[in-house]
Amino acid sequence: ATAMAAMTLDRLSGGRVVVGLGLSGPQVVEGWYGMPFERPLRWTREYVAIMRDTFARERVAHHGEIYRLPAAGGTGLGRSIRVGIRDARTDIPIYLGAEGPKNISLAAEIADGWLPTNFSPEFDHWYRERLEIGFRGRPGGRPENFEVAPGVFVAFGPDVETAADELRPGIAFQIAANGAEGMNFHYNSIARLGFEEPCKEIVERFKARDREGMAAAVPTEMVEAIALVGPPEKVQRDLETRWHDCVATTLIARTSVQNLPVLAQVFAASRAACGAPVTSRAENG
C-alpha cells in the first residue's frame, strides 16, 4: 500500500517523490498500530525489499521472517500480484529515518538516503563510521548519490540565547516525552552527543510535570549542537564552518514561515561563499 501510494504521487508529481520511512518506537507501534515492537531492523529490511519489488513492477512474492506473500495458510488461493500503476519510476528513492547505530548502518546498506534527527556536525566521525559499516554490506558499495538529509531547526534572534529559547521546549519534549523511558531514541541520540546529565534532568522535570523547568534544563550548548541559532550572520558562519564539510549532503531547514526570507538569504550567501550553486528549499513547521 505504501509503495502504491508513492507510485501514484510520483506519477502525479512528474517523478519528484522521495519516500521517507521510519520505525517510530514501541509506544507508537504497539499503542497506535497494534503491532509488537519486535525485530525492527528485520522488519525494515523486508518492508523495503517488498517496496522495491513493487516499484519494479515485479510479481511480488516474499517469504521472509516477518512477511509472507502470498500468505501461508488461509484459503490457499493467494497469488503473487504485479501492481497496475504505470508512468511512475521503477527506482523511486527510499530514505530511512534512523537514530540508533544499527539503524543508521541499515540505511546505508539498503536505502538511497538517511534522514537524521538531532544531527550534530561535531559528531561527524561517528556518523561516517556507522554509514561505512552499512556501505560495506551493500552490493556494489556506496551508491554515487547517497543522500544524508538532516532535519535542522533554525531560529533567528538578536543573540544566541534568545534564539535558543524558541527551541528549548521542543527539544525538551523530544528528550522526555517523545518515546518510552528506557527506549527513547531521541533521548539516546542527544545523550550520545555528551549531554547525558542534562537529559536526565529534563526527564525528571517532565515526571514532575514541570514544563517550564524542562525547557530551562536544555543548555544552550545542546541547542547549538543540533540546531542553527542566533543572528543571521552567526547562522551563516556556522553553515560555512561547522556544517560545510560534514557528511550531510542536504539540510532540511525547519523554521517558521516568517523566517523564510531571511533563511533564503543566509543559505544563498553561505552557498555562494562556499562556491556551491545557489539553490534552497525550506520546511515550514
C-alpha atoms as a PDB file:
ATOM      1  CA  ALA A   1       0.000   0.000   0.000  1.00  0.00           C
ATOM      2  CA  THR A   2       2.849   2.405   0.793  1.00  0.00           C
ATOM      3  CA  ALA A   3       4.574   1.573  -2.486  1.00  0.00           C
ATOM      4  CA  MET A   4       1.379   2.114  -4.498  1.00  0.00           C
ATOM      5  CA  ALA A   5       0.755   5.459  -2.769  1.00  0.00           C
ATOM      6  CA  ALA A   6       4.316   6.524  -3.592  1.00  0.00           C
ATOM      7  CA  MET A   7       3.925   5.451  -7.226  1.00  0.00           C
ATOM      8  CA  THR A   8       0.670   7.373  -7.557  1.00  0.00           C
ATOM      9  CA  LEU A   9       2.254  10.525  -6.114  1.00  0.00           C
ATOM     10  CA  ASP A  10       5.324  10.037  -8.311  1.00  0.00           C
ATOM     11  CA  ARG A  11       3.115   9.919 -11.384  1.00  0.00           C
ATOM     12  CA  LEU A  12       1.133  12.997 -10.332  1.00  0.00           C
ATOM     13  CA  SER A  13       4.275  14.983  -9.469  1.00  0.00           C
ATOM     14  CA  GLY A  14       6.200  14.162 -12.612  1.00  0.00           C
ATOM     15  CA  GLY A  15       8.752  11.957 -10.908  1.00  0.00           C
ATOM     16  CA  ARG A  16       9.619  14.040  -7.834  1.00  0.00           C
ATOM     17  CA  VAL A  17       8.717  11.698  -4.984  1.00  0.00           C
ATOM     18  CA  VAL A  18      11.160  10.584  -2.316  1.00  0.00           C
ATOM     19  CA  VAL A  19       9.826   8.024   0.178  1.00  0.00           C
ATOM     20  CA  GLY A  20      10.793   8.565   3.805  1.00  0.00           C
ATOM     21  CA  LEU A  21      10.324   5.596   6.118  1.00  0.00           C
ATOM     22  CA  GLY A  22      10.869   5.348   9.863  1.00  0.00           C
ATOM     23  CA  LEU A  23      10.246   2.752  12.544  1.00  0.00           C
ATOM     24  CA  SER A  24       8.985   5.038  15.322  1.00  0.00           C
ATOM     25  CA  GLY A  25       9.181   3.304  18.716  1.00  0.00           C
ATOM     26  CA  PRO A  26       7.306   0.878  20.944  1.00  0.00           C
ATOM     27  CA  GLN A  27       4.900   3.465  22.355  1.00  0.00           C
ATOM     28  CA  VAL A  28       3.521   4.261  18.901  1.00  0.00           C
ATOM     29  CA  VAL A  29       3.983   0.891  17.191  1.00  0.00           C
ATOM     30  CA  GLU A  30       2.243  -1.050  19.962  1.00  0.00           C
ATOM     31  CA  GLY A  31      -0.082   1.668  21.281  1.00  0.00           C
ATOM     32  CA  TRP A  32      -1.275   3.120  17.968  1.00  0.00           C
ATOM     33  CA  TYR A  33      -0.659   0.473  15.292  1.00  0.00           C
ATOM     34  CA  GLY A  34      -1.320  -2.567  17.471  1.00  0.00           C
ATOM     35  CA  MET A  35       1.819  -4.454  16.471  1.00  0.00           C
ATOM     36  CA  PRO A  36       4.594  -5.793  18.719  1.00  0.00           C
ATOM     37  CA  PHE A  37       7.826  -3.807  18.510  1.00  0.00           C
ATOM     38  CA  GLU A  38       9.996  -6.808  17.740  1.00  0.00           C
ATOM     39  CA  ARG A  39      12.938  -7.297  15.361  1.00  0.00           C
ATOM     40  CA  PRO A  40      12.652  -3.757  13.973  1.00  0.00           C
ATOM     41  CA  LEU A  41      15.709  -3.987  11.700  1.00  0.00           C
ATOM     42  CA  ARG A  42      14.470  -7.188  10.094  1.00  0.00           C
ATOM     43  CA  TRP A  43      11.037  -5.619   9.701  1.00  0.00           C
ATOM     44  CA  THR A  44      12.520  -2.629   7.885  1.00  0.00           C
ATOM     45  CA  ARG A  45      14.740  -4.773   5.665  1.00  0.00           C
ATOM     46  CA  GLU A  46      11.813  -6.876   4.416  1.00  0.00           C
ATOM     47  CA  TYR A  47       9.464  -3.886   4.088  1.00  0.00           C
ATOM     48  CA  VAL A  48      11.954  -2.050   1.846  1.00  0.00           C
ATOM     49  CA  ALA A  49      12.580  -5.190  -0.245  1.00  0.00           C
ATOM     50  CA  ILE A  50       8.851  -5.566  -0.909  1.00  0.00           C
ATOM     51  CA  MET A  51       8.568  -1.885  -1.865  1.00  0.00           C
ATOM     52  CA  ARG A  52      11.495  -2.245  -4.284  1.00  0.00           C
ATOM     53  CA  ASP A  53       9.855  -5.234  -5.980  1.00  0.00           C
ATOM     54  CA  THR A  54       6.589  -3.325  -6.227  1.00  0.00           C
ATOM     55  CA  PHE A  55       8.277  -0.280  -7.807  1.00  0.00           C
ATOM     56  CA  ALA A  56       9.996  -2.591 -10.307  1.00  0.00           C
ATOM     57  CA  ARG A  57       6.599  -3.976 -11.447  1.00  0.00           C
ATOM     58  CA  GLU A  58       7.607  -7.467 -10.324  1.00  0.00           C
ATOM     59  CA  ARG A  59       5.092 -10.076  -9.295  1.00  0.00           C
ATOM     60  CA  VAL A  60       5.603  -9.651  -5.579  1.00  0.00           C
ATOM     61  CA  ALA A  61       6.434 -12.822  -3.679  1.00  0.00           C
ATOM     62  CA  HIS A  62       8.230 -12.678  -0.361  1.00  0.00           C
ATOM     63  CA  HIS A  63       8.991 -15.484   2.061  1.00  0.00           C
ATOM     64  CA  GLY A  64      10.661 -13.694   4.942  1.00  0.00           C
ATOM     65  CA  GLU A  65      10.676 -13.984   8.691  1.00  0.00           C
ATOM     66  CA  ILE A  66       8.205 -11.099   9.072  1.00  0.00           C
ATOM     67  CA  TYR A  67       6.231 -11.008   5.816  1.00  0.00           C
ATOM     68  CA  ARG A  68       4.936 -13.873   3.697  1.00  0.00           C
ATOM     69  CA  LEU A  69       3.420 -13.013   0.319  1.00  0.00           C
ATOM     70  CA  PRO A  70       1.274 -14.877  -0.581  1.00  0.00           C
ATOM     71  CA  ALA A  71       0.219 -15.644   2.973  1.00  0.00           C
ATOM     72  CA  ALA A  72       0.750 -19.095   4.407  1.00  0.00           C
ATOM     73  CA  GLY A  73      -2.466 -20.942   5.239  1.00  0.00           C
ATOM     74  CA  GLY A  74      -5.820 -19.330   4.658  1.00  0.00           C
ATOM     75  CA  THR A  75      -7.742 -20.447   1.589  1.00  0.00           C
ATOM     76  CA  GLY A  76      -4.582 -21.206  -0.383  1.00  0.00           C
ATOM     77  CA  LEU A  77      -5.887 -19.032  -3.225  1.00  0.00           C
ATOM     78  CA  GLY A  78      -3.447 -16.162  -2.746  1.00  0.00           C
ATOM     79  CA  ARG A  79      -1.119 -15.464  -5.662  1.00  0.00           C
ATOM     80  CA  SER A  80       1.712 -13.111  -6.495  1.00  0.00           C
ATOM     81  CA  ILE A  81       0.386  -9.849  -7.900  1.00  0.00           C
ATOM     82  CA  ARG A  82       2.001  -7.137 -10.017  1.00  0.00           C
ATOM     83  CA  VAL A  83       0.999  -3.511  -9.432  1.00  0.00           C
ATOM     84  CA  GLY A  84      -1.031  -1.962 -12.256  1.00  0.00           C
ATOM     85  CA  ILE A  85       0.207   1.640 -11.883  1.00  0.00           C
ATOM     86  CA  ARG A  86       2.039   2.933 -14.955  1.00  0.00           C
ATOM     87  CA  ASP A  87       4.099   6.052 -15.728  1.00  0.00           C
ATOM     88  CA  ALA A  88       5.869   6.055 -12.359  1.00  0.00           C
ATOM     89  CA  ARG A  89       9.580   5.457 -11.901  1.00  0.00           C
ATOM     90  CA  THR A  90      10.753   1.940 -11.179  1.00  0.00           C
ATOM     91  CA  ASP A  91      13.516   3.213  -8.878  1.00  0.00           C
ATOM     92  CA  ILE A  92      11.757   5.708  -6.587  1.00  0.00           C
ATOM     93  CA  PRO A  93      14.279   6.690  -3.865  1.00  0.00           C
ATOM     94  CA  ILE A  94      13.737   5.427  -0.333  1.00  0.00           C
ATOM     95  CA  TYR A  95      15.310   7.265   2.622  1.00  0.00           C
ATOM     96  CA  LEU A  96      15.314   5.849   6.152  1.00  0.00           C
ATOM     97  CA  GLY A  97      14.810   7.952   9.257  1.00  0.00           C
ATOM     98  CA  ALA A  98      17.230   6.458  11.780  1.00  0.00           C
ATOM     99  CA  GLU A  99      18.888   7.483  15.043  1.00  0.00           C
ATOM    100  CA  GLY A 100      20.348   4.296  16.525  1.00  0.00           C
ATOM    101  CA  PRO A 101      23.737   2.975  15.362  1.00  0.00           C
ATOM    102  CA  LYS A 102      22.447  -0.253  13.781  1.00  0.00           C
ATOM    103  CA  ASN A 103      19.573   1.555  12.083  1.00  0.00           C
ATOM    104  CA  ILE A 104      21.932   4.158  10.591  1.00  0.00           C
ATOM    105  CA  SER A 105      24.082   1.347   9.186  1.00  0.00           C
ATOM    106  CA  LEU A 106      20.958  -0.319   7.794  1.00  0.00           C
ATOM    107  CA  ALA A 107      20.055   2.896   5.953  1.00  0.00           C
ATOM    108  CA  ALA A 108      23.473   2.853   4.274  1.00  0.00           C
ATOM    109  CA  GLU A 109      23.050  -0.799   3.340  1.00  0.00           C
ATOM    110  CA  ILE A 110      19.543  -0.846   1.841  1.00  0.00           C
ATOM    111  CA  ALA A 111      18.297   2.729   1.298  1.00  0.00           C
ATOM    112  CA  ASP A 112      19.075   5.646  -1.019  1.00  0.00           C
ATOM    113  CA  GLY A 113      19.455   8.137   1.802  1.00  0.00           C
ATOM    114  CA  TRP A 114      19.432   8.735   5.533  1.00  0.00           C
ATOM    115  CA  LEU A 115      17.133  11.206   7.339  1.00  0.00           C
ATOM    116  CA  PRO A 116      18.831  12.009  10.670  1.00  0.00           C
ATOM    117  CA  THR A 117      17.129  13.635  13.634  1.00  0.00           C
ATOM    118  CA  ASN A 118      19.159  15.539  16.239  1.00  0.00           C
ATOM    119  CA  PHE A 119      22.169  15.518  13.916  1.00  0.00           C
ATOM    120  CA  SER A 120      25.290  17.305  15.141  1.00  0.00           C
ATOM    121  CA  PRO A 121      28.205  18.111  12.809  1.00  0.00           C
ATOM    122  CA  GLU A 122      30.584  17.717  15.763  1.00  0.00           C
ATOM    123  CA  PHE A 123      29.728  14.006  15.805  1.00  0.00           C
ATOM    124  CA  ASP A 124      30.516  13.636  12.111  1.00  0.00           C
ATOM    125  CA  HIS A 125      33.190  10.960  12.590  1.00  0.00           C
ATOM    126  CA  TRP A 126      30.715   8.664  14.372  1.00  0.00           C
ATOM    127  CA  TYR A 127      28.070   9.056  11.651  1.00  0.00           C
ATOM    128  CA  ARG A 128      30.639   8.274   8.968  1.00  0.00           C
ATOM    129  CA  GLU A 129      31.708   5.121  10.827  1.00  0.00           C
ATOM    130  CA  ARG A 130      28.091   3.924  11.126  1.00  0.00           C
ATOM    131  CA  LEU A 131      27.422   4.611   7.456  1.00  0.00           C
ATOM    132  CA  GLU A 132      30.618   2.912   6.347  1.00  0.00           C
ATOM    133  CA  ILE A 133      29.573  -0.279   8.152  1.00  0.00           C
ATOM    134  CA  GLY A 134      26.388  -0.299   6.089  1.00  0.00           C
ATOM    135  CA  PHE A 135      28.121   0.510   2.813  1.00  0.00           C
ATOM    136  CA  ARG A 136      30.485  -2.427   3.323  1.00  0.00           C
ATOM    137  CA  GLY A 137      27.471  -4.750   3.422  1.00  0.00           C
ATOM    138  CA  ARG A 138      25.824  -3.230   0.356  1.00  0.00           C
ATOM    139  CA  PRO A 139      26.266  -4.899  -3.032  1.00  0.00           C
ATOM    140  CA  GLY A 140      28.437  -2.546  -5.046  1.00  0.00           C
ATOM    141  CA  GLY A 141      29.415  -0.448  -2.027  1.00  0.00           C
ATOM    142  CA  ARG A 142      28.395   3.164  -1.515  1.00  0.00           C
ATOM    143  CA  PRO A 143      25.998   4.418  -4.228  1.00  0.00           C
ATOM    144  CA  GLU A 144      27.052   7.528  -6.109  1.00  0.00           C
ATOM    145  CA  ASN A 145      24.179   9.728  -4.923  1.00  0.00           C
ATOM    146  CA  PHE A 146      23.511   8.563  -1.359  1.00  0.00           C
ATOM    147  CA  GLU A 147      21.849  11.454   0.482  1.00  0.00           C
ATOM    148  CA  VAL A 148      22.227  12.451   4.129  1.00  0.00           C
ATOM    149  CA  ALA A 149      19.491  14.989   4.811  1.00  0.00           C
ATOM    150  CA  PRO A 150      19.147  16.001   8.473  1.00  0.00           C
ATOM    151  CA  GLY A 151      16.164  17.991   9.624  1.00  0.00           C
ATOM    152  CA  VAL A 152      17.717  21.033  11.319  1.00  0.00           C
ATOM    153  CA  PHE A 153      15.802  23.560  13.422  1.00  0.00           C
ATOM    154  CA  VAL A 154      16.630  27.178  12.634  1.00  0.00           C
ATOM    155  CA  ALA A 155      15.814  30.111  14.925  1.00  0.00           C
ATOM    156  CA  PHE A 156      16.943  33.701  14.420  1.00  0.00           C
ATOM    157  CA  GLY A 157      17.332  36.268  17.187  1.00  0.00           C
ATOM    158  CA  PRO A 158      19.397  39.223  18.311  1.00  0.00           C
ATOM    159  CA  ASP A 159      21.657  36.798  20.184  1.00  0.00           C
ATOM    160  CA  VAL A 160      22.138  33.052  20.597  1.00  0.00           C
ATOM    161  CA  GLU A 161      20.319  32.792  23.941  1.00  0.00           C
ATOM    162  CA  THR A 162      17.166  34.492  22.671  1.00  0.00           C
ATOM    163  CA  ALA A 163      17.071  32.327  19.562  1.00  0.00           C
ATOM    164  CA  ALA A 164      17.758  29.159  21.566  1.00  0.00           C
ATOM    165  CA  ASP A 165      14.814  29.947  23.859  1.00  0.00           C
ATOM    166  CA  GLU A 166      12.470  29.330  20.914  1.00  0.00           C
ATOM    167  CA  LEU A 167      13.724  25.779  20.518  1.00  0.00           C
ATOM    168  CA  ARG A 168      14.226  24.633  24.117  1.00  0.00           C
ATOM    169  CA  PRO A 169      10.598  23.479  24.725  1.00  0.00           C
ATOM    170  CA  GLY A 170      10.531  21.305  21.597  1.00  0.00           C
ATOM    171  CA  ILE A 171      13.920  19.752  22.288  1.00  0.00           C
ATOM    172  CA  ALA A 172      12.907  19.050  25.897  1.00  0.00           C
ATOM    173  CA  PHE A 173       9.698  17.371  24.726  1.00  0.00           C
ATOM    174  CA  GLN A 174      11.625  15.092  22.372  1.00  0.00           C
ATOM    175  CA  ILE A 175      14.001  14.040  25.114  1.00  0.00           C
ATOM    176  CA  ALA A 176      11.442  13.432  27.843  1.00  0.00           C
ATOM    177  CA  ALA A 177       8.099  12.683  26.229  1.00  0.00           C
ATOM    178  CA  ASN A 178       8.567  11.532  22.663  1.00  0.00           C
ATOM    179  CA  GLY A 179       9.391   7.924  23.482  1.00  0.00           C
ATOM    180  CA  ALA A 180       9.222   5.343  26.231  1.00  0.00           C
ATOM    181  CA  GLU A 181      11.573   5.676  29.176  1.00  0.00           C
ATOM    182  CA  GLY A 182      14.456   3.304  28.602  1.00  0.00           C
ATOM    183  CA  MET A 183      13.693   3.109  24.863  1.00  0.00           C
ATOM    184  CA  ASN A 184      13.532   6.704  23.673  1.00  0.00           C
ATOM    185  CA  PHE A 185      15.620   7.030  20.525  1.00  0.00           C
ATOM    186  CA  HIS A 186      15.504  10.847  20.620  1.00  0.00           C
ATOM    187  CA  TYR A 187      16.864  10.821  24.181  1.00  0.00           C
ATOM    188  CA  ASN A 188      19.619   8.422  23.159  1.00  0.00           C
ATOM    189  CA  SER A 189      20.679  10.432  20.111  1.00  0.00           C
ATOM    190  CA  ILE A 190      21.154  13.620  22.162  1.00  0.00           C
ATOM    191  CA  ALA A 191      22.663  11.932  25.230  1.00  0.00           C
ATOM    192  CA  ARG A 192      25.180  10.295  22.906  1.00  0.00           C
ATOM    193  CA  LEU A 193      26.490  13.747  21.980  1.00  0.00           C
ATOM    194  CA  GLY A 194      27.717  14.256  25.554  1.00  0.00           C
ATOM    195  CA  PHE A 195      24.513  15.555  27.163  1.00  0.00           C
ATOM    196  CA  GLU A 196      23.551  12.580  29.351  1.00  0.00           C
ATOM    197  CA  GLU A 197      23.233  14.599  32.573  1.00  0.00           C
ATOM    198  CA  PRO A 198      21.041  17.388  31.131  1.00  0.00           C
ATOM    199  CA  CYS A 199      18.868  14.710  29.512  1.00  0.00           C
ATOM    200  CA  LYS A 200      18.351  13.011  32.879  1.00  0.00           C
ATOM    201  CA  GLU A 201      17.358  16.318  34.462  1.00  0.00           C
ATOM    202  CA  ILE A 202      14.895  17.072  31.669  1.00  0.00           C
ATOM    203  CA  VAL A 203      13.233  13.671  32.180  1.00  0.00           C
ATOM    204  CA  GLU A 204      12.975  14.251  35.945  1.00  0.00           C
ATOM    205  CA  ARG A 205      11.318  17.613  35.420  1.00  0.00           C
ATOM    206  CA  PHE A 206       8.920  16.041  32.925  1.00  0.00           C
ATOM    207  CA  LYS A 207       7.927  13.445  35.516  1.00  0.00           C
ATOM    208  CA  ALA A 208       7.281  16.283  37.954  1.00  0.00           C
ATOM    209  CA  ARG A 209       5.051  17.968  35.334  1.00  0.00           C
ATOM    210  CA  ASP A 210       7.381  20.960  35.336  1.00  0.00           C
ATOM    211  CA  ARG A 211       7.148  22.048  31.695  1.00  0.00           C
ATOM    212  CA  GLU A 212       8.941  25.347  32.243  1.00  0.00           C
ATOM    213  CA  GLY A 213      11.694  23.559  34.133  1.00  0.00           C
ATOM    214  CA  MET A 214      12.048  21.056  31.292  1.00  0.00           C
ATOM    215  CA  ALA A 215      12.763  23.814  28.812  1.00  0.00           C
ATOM    216  CA  ALA A 216      15.073  25.655  31.200  1.00  0.00           C
ATOM    217  CA  ALA A 217      17.106  22.473  31.680  1.00  0.00           C
ATOM    218  CA  VAL A 218      18.066  22.424  27.990  1.00  0.00           C
ATOM    219  CA  PRO A 219      21.532  24.016  27.894  1.00  0.00           C
ATOM    220  CA  THR A 220      22.375  26.407  25.107  1.00  0.00           C
ATOM    221  CA  GLU A 221      25.282  24.139  24.150  1.00  0.00           C
ATOM    222  CA  MET A 222      22.778  21.357  23.410  1.00  0.00           C
ATOM    223  CA  VAL A 223      20.668  23.637  21.210  1.00  0.00           C
ATOM    224  CA  GLU A 224      23.719  24.832  19.285  1.00  0.00           C
ATOM    225  CA  ALA A 225      24.914  21.245  18.810  1.00  0.00           C
ATOM    226  CA  ILE A 226      21.831  20.206  16.834  1.00  0.00           C
ATOM    227  CA  ALA A 227      20.331  23.478  15.537  1.00  0.00           C
ATOM    228  CA  LEU A 228      21.207  26.740  13.809  1.00  0.00           C
ATOM    229  CA  VAL A 229      20.521  29.642  16.186  1.00  0.00           C
ATOM    230  CA  GLY A 230      21.431  33.287  16.582  1.00  0.00           C
ATOM    231  CA  PRO A 231      21.702  36.375  14.379  1.00  0.00           C
ATOM    232  CA  PRO A 232      21.675  35.701  10.611  1.00  0.00           C
ATOM    233  CA  GLU A 233      25.404  36.362  10.274  1.00  0.00           C
ATOM    234  CA  LYS A 234      26.173  33.809  13.002  1.00  0.00           C
ATOM    235  CA  VAL A 235      23.943  31.183  11.337  1.00  0.00           C
ATOM    236  CA  GLN A 236      25.720  31.851   8.038  1.00  0.00           C
ATOM    237  CA  ARG A 237      29.103  31.445   9.729  1.00  0.00           C
ATOM    238  CA  ASP A 238      28.020  28.105  11.222  1.00  0.00           C
ATOM    239  CA  LEU A 239      26.892  26.889   7.808  1.00  0.00           C
ATOM    240  CA  GLU A 240      30.224  27.836   6.252  1.00  0.00           C
ATOM    241  CA  THR A 241      32.320  26.242   9.018  1.00  0.00           C
ATOM    242  CA  ARG A 242      30.666  23.638  11.255  1.00  0.00           C
ATOM    243  CA  TRP A 243      28.223  22.312   8.671  1.00  0.00           C
ATOM    244  CA  HIS A 244      30.081  22.721   5.391  1.00  0.00           C
ATOM    245  CA  ASP A 245      32.382  19.698   5.465  1.00  0.00           C
ATOM    246  CA  CYS A 246      30.261  17.236   7.439  1.00  0.00           C
ATOM    247  CA  VAL A 247      28.632  14.148   5.925  1.00  0.00           C
ATOM    248  CA  ALA A 248      25.293  15.929   5.358  1.00  0.00           C
ATOM    249  CA  THR A 249      24.507  16.486   1.675  1.00  0.00           C
ATOM    250  CA  THR A 250      21.240  18.410   2.152  1.00  0.00           C
ATOM    251  CA  LEU A 251      19.815  20.364   5.090  1.00  0.00           C
ATOM    252  CA  ILE A 252      16.060  20.241   5.662  1.00  0.00           C
ATOM    253  CA  ALA A 253      15.595  23.589   7.408  1.00  0.00           C
ATOM    254  CA  ARG A 254      12.784  23.519   9.970  1.00  0.00           C
ATOM    255  CA  THR A 255      11.660  27.012  10.838  1.00  0.00           C
ATOM    256  CA  SER A 256       8.678  29.362  10.906  1.00  0.00           C
ATOM    257  CA  VAL A 257       7.263  30.840   7.726  1.00  0.00           C
ATOM    258  CA  GLN A 258       8.242  34.300   8.983  1.00  0.00           C
ATOM    259  CA  ASN A 259      11.896  33.235   8.917  1.00  0.00           C
ATOM    260  CA  LEU A 260      11.889  32.005   5.330  1.00  0.00           C
ATOM    261  CA  PRO A 261      13.006  35.253   3.605  1.00  0.00           C
ATOM    262  CA  VAL A 262      15.977  35.653   5.955  1.00  0.00           C
ATOM    263  CA  LEU A 263      16.771  31.952   5.760  1.00  0.00           C
ATOM    264  CA  ALA A 264      16.812  32.071   1.954  1.00  0.00           C
ATOM    265  CA  GLN A 265      19.257  34.977   2.051  1.00  0.00           C
ATOM    266  CA  VAL A 266      21.506  33.212   4.564  1.00  0.00           C
ATOM    267  CA  PHE A 267      21.524  29.973   2.576  1.00  0.00           C
ATOM    268  CA  ALA A 268      22.258  31.790  -0.679  1.00  0.00           C
ATOM    269  CA  ALA A 269      25.103  33.779   0.875  1.00  0.00           C
ATOM    270  CA  SER A 270      26.664  30.736   2.565  1.00  0.00           C
ATOM    271  CA  ARG A 271      26.476  28.602  -0.571  1.00  0.00           C
ATOM    272  CA  ALA A 272      28.000  31.361  -2.664  1.00  0.00           C
ATOM    273  CA  ALA A 273      30.817  31.760  -0.116  1.00  0.00           C
ATOM    274  CA  CYS A 274      31.498  28.028  -0.328  1.00  0.00           C
ATOM    275  CA  GLY A 275      31.403  28.004  -4.118  1.00  0.00           C
ATOM    276  CA  ALA A 276      28.186  25.940  -4.384  1.00  0.00           C
ATOM    277  CA  PRO A 277      25.212  26.519  -6.732  1.00  0.00           C
ATOM    278  CA  VAL A 278      22.684  28.815  -5.034  1.00  0.00           C
ATOM    279  CA  THR A 279      19.509  26.781  -4.577  1.00  0.00           C
ATOM    280  CA  SER A 280      17.489  26.252  -1.420  1.00  0.00           C
ATOM    281  CA  ARG A 281      14.294  24.751  -0.078  1.00  0.00           C
ATOM    282  CA  ALA A 282      12.846  25.081   3.410  1.00  0.00           C
ATOM    283  CA  GLU A 283      10.283  23.318   5.528  1.00  0.00           C
ATOM    284  CA  ASN A 284       7.685  25.287   7.433  1.00  0.00           C
ATOM    285  CA  GLY A 285       6.728  23.817  10.769  1.00  0.00           C
END
